[in-house]
Amino acid sequence: MVGICAAVEVARWAAWEVEVNLSQRTYSREVAGAGAQPVILPPSEEMTAAPGEVLDRLDALILAGGGDIDPGSYGAAADQNTTATRPERDAFEMALCRSALERDLPLLGVCRGMELMNVALGGTLAQHLETASTHLHTPGRFSDHDVALEAGSLAARAAGAERISVRSHHHQGLGELGRGLVVSGRADDGVVEAVELPDRTFALGILWHTEEEAGSTVLRSFVGATRAGAVA
């Protein structure tokens, strides 16, 4: 059972225009294709206060992509490039992230999820990258570029190679690194693309959208780790 954190957005369909819990189906499809049961997790105050109650029912957790994290959560003021924040979602996912790390539950952060891992561990974010155009395209499209992964790292083992082509869609990046995190991947422009916690079974953050890759090697390795207690 793999939990996938949902976004909170306003959506319109048929006669409706309401606030919804939103999760791209690429996540659930890839998790199911890797042999696990996806479970969508909407933010809630109850689970934020007691994250262990939901984590007790899960074998792994994915912090999915989405909108910008509220800069207040890392002690900064929002600049003009930071928009559409959802503090309720931030607080929920940080509580789940910290609790998952405490119990060594396999954890994968994707794009915003990697950024949230960093903030949850006391790090900060760069609110707008100088090379944002390398990593951000128009809505619905992705930027394709290469990432170099450290030899022997969890990131390289999960991806199955030390240099890979990825799909990304982000304008922010990491600032000060969170406690215990080690950088294990960078794009050619120097942007940090992967971080990990070496003292955990599987705790990996990646800035690219691996769920957009059919048969994602990273997600299959992640699901394998939930069964074997190590990278498959």
C-alpha atoms as a PDB file:
ATOM      1  CA  MET A   1       0.000   0.000   0.000  1.00  0.00           C
ATOM      2  CA  VAL A   2       1.686   3.202  -1.229  1.00  0.00           C
ATOM      3  CA  GLY A   3       0.282   6.537  -0.073  1.00  0.00           C
ATOM      4  CA  ILE A   4       0.333   9.381  -2.606  1.00  0.00           C
ATOM      5  CA  CYS A   5      -0.230  12.881  -1.234  1.00  0.00           C
ATOM      6  CA  ALA A   6      -2.908  14.842  -3.079  1.00  0.00           C
ATOM      7  CA  ALA A   7      -2.913  18.504  -4.025  1.00  0.00           C
ATOM      8  CA  VAL A   8      -5.723  20.893  -3.124  1.00  0.00           C
ATOM      9  CA  GLU A   9      -6.947  22.925  -6.093  1.00  0.00           C
ATOM     10  CA  VAL A  10     -10.074  24.470  -7.582  1.00  0.00           C
ATOM     11  CA  ALA A  11     -11.404  22.450 -10.520  1.00  0.00           C
ATOM     12  CA  ARG A  12     -14.237  22.925 -12.987  1.00  0.00           C
ATOM     13  CA  TRP A  13     -16.199  20.173 -14.736  1.00  0.00           C
ATOM     14  CA  ALA A  14     -19.836  19.829 -15.881  1.00  0.00           C
ATOM     15  CA  ALA A  15     -21.844  22.127 -13.572  1.00  0.00           C
ATOM     16  CA  TRP A  16     -19.209  22.157 -10.850  1.00  0.00           C
ATOM     17  CA  GLU A  17     -16.479  24.602  -9.851  1.00  0.00           C
ATOM     18  CA  VAL A  18     -15.258  23.588  -6.405  1.00  0.00           C
ATOM     19  CA  GLU A  19     -12.192  22.892  -4.308  1.00  0.00           C
ATOM     20  CA  VAL A  20     -10.961  19.340  -4.902  1.00  0.00           C
ATOM     21  CA  ASN A  21      -8.335  16.844  -3.796  1.00  0.00           C
ATOM     22  CA  LEU A  22      -6.258  16.341  -6.921  1.00  0.00           C
ATOM     23  CA  SER A  23      -3.785  13.627  -7.912  1.00  0.00           C
ATOM     24  CA  GLN A  24      -2.429  13.073 -11.422  1.00  0.00           C
ATOM     25  CA  ARG A  25      -3.281   9.557 -12.569  1.00  0.00           C
ATOM     26  CA  THR A  26       0.278   9.034 -13.790  1.00  0.00           C
ATOM     27  CA  TYR A  27       1.313   8.481 -10.155  1.00  0.00           C
ATOM     28  CA  SER A  28      -1.320   5.856  -9.387  1.00  0.00           C
ATOM     29  CA  ARG A  29      -0.880   4.142 -12.752  1.00  0.00           C
ATOM     30  CA  GLU A  30       2.881   3.806 -12.344  1.00  0.00           C
ATOM     31  CA  VAL A  31       2.594   2.636  -8.728  1.00  0.00           C
ATOM     32  CA  ALA A  32      -0.013   0.043  -9.714  1.00  0.00           C
ATOM     33  CA  GLY A  33       2.107  -0.989 -12.698  1.00  0.00           C
ATOM     34  CA  ALA A  34       5.019  -1.575 -10.321  1.00  0.00           C
ATOM     35  CA  GLY A  35       2.866  -3.993  -8.332  1.00  0.00           C
ATOM     36  CA  ALA A  36       1.575  -1.910  -5.420  1.00  0.00           C
ATOM     37  CA  GLN A  37      -1.819  -0.525  -4.422  1.00  0.00           C
ATOM     38  CA  PRO A  38      -1.927   3.295  -4.642  1.00  0.00           C
ATOM     39  CA  VAL A  39      -3.825   5.163  -1.917  1.00  0.00           C
ATOM     40  CA  ILE A  40      -4.565   8.876  -2.401  1.00  0.00           C
ATOM     41  CA  LEU A  41      -4.067  10.986   0.748  1.00  0.00           C
ATOM     42  CA  PRO A  42      -5.945  14.309   0.936  1.00  0.00           C
ATOM     43  CA  PRO A  43      -4.722  16.871   3.481  1.00  0.00           C
ATOM     44  CA  SER A  44      -6.586  16.849   6.781  1.00  0.00           C
ATOM     45  CA  GLU A  45      -6.064  18.533  10.135  1.00  0.00           C
ATOM     46  CA  GLU A  46      -6.686  15.238  11.927  1.00  0.00           C
ATOM     47  CA  MET A  47      -3.926  13.392  10.057  1.00  0.00           C
ATOM     48  CA  THR A  48      -1.588  16.386  10.385  1.00  0.00           C
ATOM     49  CA  ALA A  49      -1.983  16.129  14.158  1.00  0.00           C
ATOM     50  CA  ALA A  50      -1.601  12.331  14.203  1.00  0.00           C
ATOM     51  CA  PRO A  51       0.294  11.226  11.050  1.00  0.00           C
ATOM     52  CA  GLY A  52       1.141   7.853  12.543  1.00  0.00           C
ATOM     53  CA  GLU A  53      -2.469   6.741  12.282  1.00  0.00           C
ATOM     54  CA  VAL A  54      -2.377   6.792   8.490  1.00  0.00           C
ATOM     55  CA  LEU A  55       1.252   5.691   8.168  1.00  0.00           C
ATOM     56  CA  ASP A  56       0.449   2.586  10.232  1.00  0.00           C
ATOM     57  CA  ARG A  57      -1.667   1.454   7.275  1.00  0.00           C
ATOM     58  CA  LEU A  58       0.937   2.160   4.580  1.00  0.00           C
ATOM     59  CA  ASP A  59       4.080   0.443   3.327  1.00  0.00           C
ATOM     60  CA  ALA A  60       5.542   3.529   1.625  1.00  0.00           C
ATOM     61  CA  LEU A  61       4.841   7.215   0.977  1.00  0.00           C
ATOM     62  CA  ILE A  62       5.131   9.463  -2.075  1.00  0.00           C
ATOM     63  CA  LEU A  63       5.260  13.239  -1.688  1.00  0.00           C
ATOM     64  CA  ALA A  64       3.920  14.242  -5.098  1.00  0.00           C
ATOM     65  CA  GLY A  65       4.509  17.320  -7.225  1.00  0.00           C
ATOM     66  CA  GLY A  66       2.382  20.454  -7.236  1.00  0.00           C
ATOM     67  CA  GLY A  67       2.394  24.156  -6.456  1.00  0.00           C
ATOM     68  CA  ASP A  68       4.888  26.257  -4.533  1.00  0.00           C
ATOM     69  CA  ILE A  69       5.517  25.721  -0.817  1.00  0.00           C
ATOM     70  CA  ASP A  70       4.642  28.628   1.476  1.00  0.00           C
ATOM     71  CA  PRO A  71       7.972  30.443   2.130  1.00  0.00           C
ATOM     72  CA  GLY A  72       6.793  31.138   5.678  1.00  0.00           C
ATOM     73  CA  SER A  73       7.436  27.471   6.419  1.00  0.00           C
ATOM     74  CA  TYR A  74      11.178  28.084   5.999  1.00  0.00           C
ATOM     75  CA  GLY A  75      11.261  31.583   7.464  1.00  0.00           C
ATOM     76  CA  ALA A  76      11.162  33.613   4.254  1.00  0.00           C
ATOM     77  CA  ALA A  77       8.809  36.164   2.714  1.00  0.00           C
ATOM     78  CA  ALA A  78       7.211  35.307  -0.618  1.00  0.00           C
ATOM     79  CA  ASP A  79       8.721  36.996  -3.648  1.00  0.00           C
ATOM     80  CA  GLN A  80       6.857  37.841  -6.853  1.00  0.00           C
ATOM     81  CA  ASN A  81       7.584  34.431  -8.384  1.00  0.00           C
ATOM     82  CA  THR A  82       6.016  32.368  -5.585  1.00  0.00           C
ATOM     83  CA  THR A  83       2.302  31.824  -6.142  1.00  0.00           C
ATOM     84  CA  ALA A  84      -0.687  29.605  -5.329  1.00  0.00           C
ATOM     85  CA  THR A  85       0.636  28.278  -2.016  1.00  0.00           C
ATOM     86  CA  ARG A  86      -1.411  25.900   0.155  1.00  0.00           C
ATOM     87  CA  PRO A  87      -0.164  26.029   3.778  1.00  0.00           C
ATOM     88  CA  GLU A  88      -2.656  23.319   4.802  1.00  0.00           C
ATOM     89  CA  ARG A  89      -1.073  20.907   2.337  1.00  0.00           C
ATOM     90  CA  ASP A  90       2.435  21.927   3.405  1.00  0.00           C
ATOM     91  CA  ALA A  91       1.731  21.238   7.087  1.00  0.00           C
ATOM     92  CA  PHE A  92       0.067  17.886   6.319  1.00  0.00           C
ATOM     93  CA  GLU A  93       2.893  16.621   4.130  1.00  0.00           C
ATOM     94  CA  MET A  94       5.628  17.836   6.483  1.00  0.00           C
ATOM     95  CA  ALA A  95       3.988  15.932   9.333  1.00  0.00           C
ATOM     96  CA  LEU A  96       3.786  12.782   7.199  1.00  0.00           C
ATOM     97  CA  CYS A  97       7.358  13.238   5.944  1.00  0.00           C
ATOM     98  CA  ARG A  98       8.883  13.610   9.408  1.00  0.00           C
ATOM     99  CA  SER A  99       6.901  10.709  10.812  1.00  0.00           C
ATOM    100  CA  ALA A 100       7.766   8.475   7.837  1.00  0.00           C
ATOM    101  CA  LEU A 101      11.476   9.234   8.310  1.00  0.00           C
ATOM    102  CA  GLU A 102      11.267   8.533  12.037  1.00  0.00           C
ATOM    103  CA  ARG A 103       9.875   5.050  11.387  1.00  0.00           C
ATOM    104  CA  ASP A 104      12.079   4.451   8.313  1.00  0.00           C
ATOM    105  CA  LEU A 105       9.102   4.052   6.009  1.00  0.00           C
ATOM    106  CA  PRO A 106      10.250   4.112   2.351  1.00  0.00           C
ATOM    107  CA  LEU A 107       9.827   7.698   1.133  1.00  0.00           C
ATOM    108  CA  LEU A 108      10.008   9.256  -2.327  1.00  0.00           C
ATOM    109  CA  GLY A 109       9.685  12.996  -2.924  1.00  0.00           C
ATOM    110  CA  VAL A 110       8.954  14.101  -6.499  1.00  0.00           C
ATOM    111  CA  CYS A 111       9.660  17.715  -7.558  1.00  0.00           C
ATOM    112  CA  ARG A 112       7.706  19.713  -4.954  1.00  0.00           C
ATOM    113  CA  GLY A 113       8.029  16.571  -2.825  1.00  0.00           C
ATOM    114  CA  MET A 114      11.832  16.834  -2.858  1.00  0.00           C
ATOM    115  CA  GLU A 115      11.585  20.503  -1.935  1.00  0.00           C
ATOM    116  CA  LEU A 116       9.186  19.641   0.890  1.00  0.00           C
ATOM    117  CA  MET A 117      11.565  16.981   2.236  1.00  0.00           C
ATOM    118  CA  ASN A 118      14.268  19.641   2.386  1.00  0.00           C
ATOM    119  CA  VAL A 119      12.044  22.142   4.210  1.00  0.00           C
ATOM    120  CA  ALA A 120      10.730  19.473   6.606  1.00  0.00           C
ATOM    121  CA  LEU A 121      14.342  18.812   7.619  1.00  0.00           C
ATOM    122  CA  GLY A 122      15.089  22.488   8.250  1.00  0.00           C
ATOM    123  CA  GLY A 123      16.306  23.508   4.798  1.00  0.00           C
ATOM    124  CA  THR A 124      15.265  26.399   2.573  1.00  0.00           C
ATOM    125  CA  LEU A 125      14.310  26.929  -1.063  1.00  0.00           C
ATOM    126  CA  ALA A 126      15.456  29.193  -3.871  1.00  0.00           C
ATOM    127  CA  GLN A 127      12.147  30.766  -4.883  1.00  0.00           C
ATOM    128  CA  HIS A 128      13.115  31.247  -8.529  1.00  0.00           C
ATOM    129  CA  LEU A 129      16.135  29.773 -10.287  1.00  0.00           C
ATOM    130  CA  GLU A 130      18.320  31.829 -12.607  1.00  0.00           C
ATOM    131  CA  THR A 131      18.136  28.911 -15.036  1.00  0.00           C
ATOM    132  CA  ALA A 132      14.419  28.281 -14.527  1.00  0.00           C
ATOM    133  CA  SER A 133      13.836  28.209 -18.297  1.00  0.00           C
ATOM    134  CA  THR A 134      15.922  25.012 -18.464  1.00  0.00           C
ATOM    135  CA  HIS A 135      13.495  23.232 -16.173  1.00  0.00           C
ATOM    136  CA  LEU A 136      10.138  24.913 -16.779  1.00  0.00           C
ATOM    137  CA  HIS A 137       7.953  24.896 -19.869  1.00  0.00           C
ATOM    138  CA  THR A 138       4.404  26.020 -20.521  1.00  0.00           C
ATOM    139  CA  PRO A 139       1.585  24.257 -18.601  1.00  0.00           C
ATOM    140  CA  GLY A 140       1.106  20.692 -19.735  1.00  0.00           C
ATOM    141  CA  ARG A 141       4.603  20.437 -21.247  1.00  0.00           C
ATOM    142  CA  PHE A 142       7.880  19.263 -19.771  1.00  0.00           C
ATOM    143  CA  SER A 143      11.512  20.226 -20.233  1.00  0.00           C
ATOM    144  CA  ASP A 144      13.843  17.372 -21.219  1.00  0.00           C
ATOM    145  CA  HIS A 145      17.434  17.504 -19.946  1.00  0.00           C
ATOM    146  CA  ASP A 146      20.145  15.294 -18.463  1.00  0.00           C
ATOM    147  CA  VAL A 147      20.987  14.651 -14.827  1.00  0.00           C
ATOM    148  CA  ALA A 148      24.271  13.284 -13.467  1.00  0.00           C
ATOM    149  CA  LEU A 149      23.878  10.988 -10.438  1.00  0.00           C
ATOM    150  CA  GLU A 150      26.608  10.168  -7.919  1.00  0.00           C
ATOM    151  CA  ALA A 151      28.171   6.738  -8.373  1.00  0.00           C
ATOM    152  CA  GLY A 152      26.900   4.275  -5.781  1.00  0.00           C
ATOM    153  CA  SER A 153      24.136   6.591  -4.564  1.00  0.00           C
ATOM    154  CA  LEU A 154      20.563   5.520  -3.901  1.00  0.00           C
ATOM    155  CA  ALA A 155      19.518   7.832  -6.742  1.00  0.00           C
ATOM    156  CA  ALA A 156      21.815   6.090  -9.235  1.00  0.00           C
ATOM    157  CA  ARG A 157      20.795   2.619  -8.049  1.00  0.00           C
ATOM    158  CA  ALA A 158      17.103   3.513  -8.239  1.00  0.00           C
ATOM    159  CA  ALA A 159      17.446   5.078 -11.704  1.00  0.00           C
ATOM    160  CA  GLY A 160      19.690   2.278 -12.948  1.00  0.00           C
ATOM    161  CA  ALA A 161      22.375   4.613 -14.328  1.00  0.00           C
ATOM    162  CA  GLU A 162      24.687   7.478 -13.388  1.00  0.00           C
ATOM    163  CA  ARG A 163      23.528   9.767 -16.202  1.00  0.00           C
ATOM    164  CA  ILE A 164      19.903   9.881 -17.270  1.00  0.00           C
ATOM    165  CA  SER A 165      17.543  11.979 -19.359  1.00  0.00           C
ATOM    166  CA  VAL A 166      14.646  13.372 -17.317  1.00  0.00           C
ATOM    167  CA  ARG A 167      11.434  15.351 -17.682  1.00  0.00           C
ATOM    168  CA  SER A 168      11.065  18.367 -15.416  1.00  0.00           C
ATOM    169  CA  HIS A 169       8.656  21.217 -14.769  1.00  0.00           C
ATOM    170  CA  HIS A 170       9.750  23.495 -11.916  1.00  0.00           C
ATOM    171  CA  HIS A 171      11.033  26.997 -11.326  1.00  0.00           C
ATOM    172  CA  GLN A 172      12.274  26.600  -7.755  1.00  0.00           C
ATOM    173  CA  GLY A 173      15.149  24.638  -6.267  1.00  0.00           C
ATOM    174  CA  LEU A 174      16.942  23.917  -3.018  1.00  0.00           C
ATOM    175  CA  GLY A 175      18.640  26.604  -0.971  1.00  0.00           C
ATOM    176  CA  GLU A 176      20.213  25.571   2.323  1.00  0.00           C
ATOM    177  CA  LEU A 177      20.279  21.787   2.606  1.00  0.00           C
ATOM    178  CA  GLY A 178      18.134  20.125   5.280  1.00  0.00           C
ATOM    179  CA  ARG A 179      19.568  18.095   8.161  1.00  0.00           C
ATOM    180  CA  GLY A 180      21.128  14.819   7.081  1.00  0.00           C
ATOM    181  CA  LEU A 181      20.411  15.220   3.373  1.00  0.00           C
ATOM    182  CA  VAL A 182      23.151  14.453   0.868  1.00  0.00           C
ATOM    183  CA  VAL A 183      23.144  15.767  -2.706  1.00  0.00           C
ATOM    184  CA  SER A 184      23.314  12.825  -5.120  1.00  0.00           C
ATOM    185  CA  GLY A 185      22.337  14.371  -8.463  1.00  0.00           C
ATOM    186  CA  ARG A 186      22.661  17.595 -10.420  1.00  0.00           C
ATOM    187  CA  ALA A 187      21.586  18.943 -13.791  1.00  0.00           C
ATOM    188  CA  ASP A 188      24.291  20.293 -16.091  1.00  0.00           C
ATOM    189  CA  ASP A 189      23.495  23.836 -14.941  1.00  0.00           C
ATOM    190  CA  GLY A 190      24.313  22.841 -11.352  1.00  0.00           C
ATOM    191  CA  VAL A 191      20.745  22.659 -10.051  1.00  0.00           C
ATOM    192  CA  VAL A 192      20.358  19.961  -7.384  1.00  0.00           C
ATOM    193  CA  GLU A 193      18.184  17.208  -8.873  1.00  0.00           C
ATOM    194  CA  ALA A 194      18.456  14.460  -6.241  1.00  0.00           C
ATOM    195  CA  VAL A 195      18.958  14.274  -2.471  1.00  0.00           C
ATOM    196  CA  GLU A 196      18.850  11.352  -0.085  1.00  0.00           C
ATOM    197  CA  LEU A 197      19.244  10.278   3.530  1.00  0.00           C
ATOM    198  CA  PRO A 198      21.959   7.595   3.605  1.00  0.00           C
ATOM    199  CA  ASP A 199      20.930   6.302   7.051  1.00  0.00           C
ATOM    200  CA  ARG A 200      17.432   5.346   5.885  1.00  0.00           C
ATOM    201  CA  THR A 201      16.346   2.281   3.922  1.00  0.00           C
ATOM    202  CA  PHE A 202      14.896   4.375   1.087  1.00  0.00           C
ATOM    203  CA  ALA A 203      14.550   8.132   1.486  1.00  0.00           C
ATOM    204  CA  LEU A 204      15.031   9.849  -1.870  1.00  0.00           C
ATOM    205  CA  GLY A 205      14.014  13.194  -3.301  1.00  0.00           C
ATOM    206  CA  ILE A 206      14.163  13.860  -7.044  1.00  0.00           C
ATOM    207  CA  LEU A 207      13.342  17.089  -8.834  1.00  0.00           C
ATOM    208  CA  TRP A 208      12.266  15.452 -12.087  1.00  0.00           C
ATOM    209  CA  HIS A 209       8.874  13.899 -12.827  1.00  0.00           C
ATOM    210  CA  THR A 210       9.596  10.196 -12.884  1.00  0.00           C
ATOM    211  CA  GLU A 211       5.862   9.430 -12.856  1.00  0.00           C
ATOM    212  CA  GLU A 212       5.722  10.759 -16.429  1.00  0.00           C
ATOM    213  CA  GLU A 213       8.025   7.949 -17.583  1.00  0.00           C
ATOM    214  CA  ALA A 214       6.175   4.785 -18.643  1.00  0.00           C
ATOM    215  CA  GLY A 215       7.542   1.930 -16.577  1.00  0.00           C
ATOM    216  CA  SER A 216       9.497   4.320 -14.351  1.00  0.00           C
ATOM    217  CA  THR A 217      12.658   2.611 -13.115  1.00  0.00           C
ATOM    218  CA  VAL A 218      12.709   4.829 -10.020  1.00  0.00           C
ATOM    219  CA  LEU A 219       9.139   3.976  -9.038  1.00  0.00           C
ATOM    220  CA  ARG A 220       9.689   0.274  -9.641  1.00  0.00           C
ATOM    221  CA  SER A 221      12.805   0.382  -7.479  1.00  0.00           C
ATOM    222  CA  PHE A 222      10.888   2.318  -4.818  1.00  0.00           C
ATOM    223  CA  VAL A 223       8.042  -0.212  -4.759  1.00  0.00           C
ATOM    224  CA  GLY A 224      10.609  -3.014  -4.648  1.00  0.00           C
ATOM    225  CA  ALA A 225      12.157  -1.417  -1.557  1.00  0.00           C
ATOM    226  CA  THR A 226       8.824  -1.596   0.266  1.00  0.00           C
ATOM    227  CA  ARG A 227       8.934  -5.373  -0.061  1.00  0.00           C
ATOM    228  CA  ALA A 228      12.619  -6.161   0.289  1.00  0.00           C
ATOM    229  CA  GLY A 229      13.719  -3.465   2.746  1.00  0.00           C
ATOM    230  CA  ALA A 230      16.364  -2.376   0.226  1.00  0.00           C
ATOM    231  CA  VAL A 231      16.614  -1.023  -3.300  1.00  0.00           C
ATOM    232  CA  ALA A 232      15.380  -3.657  -5.766  1.00  0.00           C
END
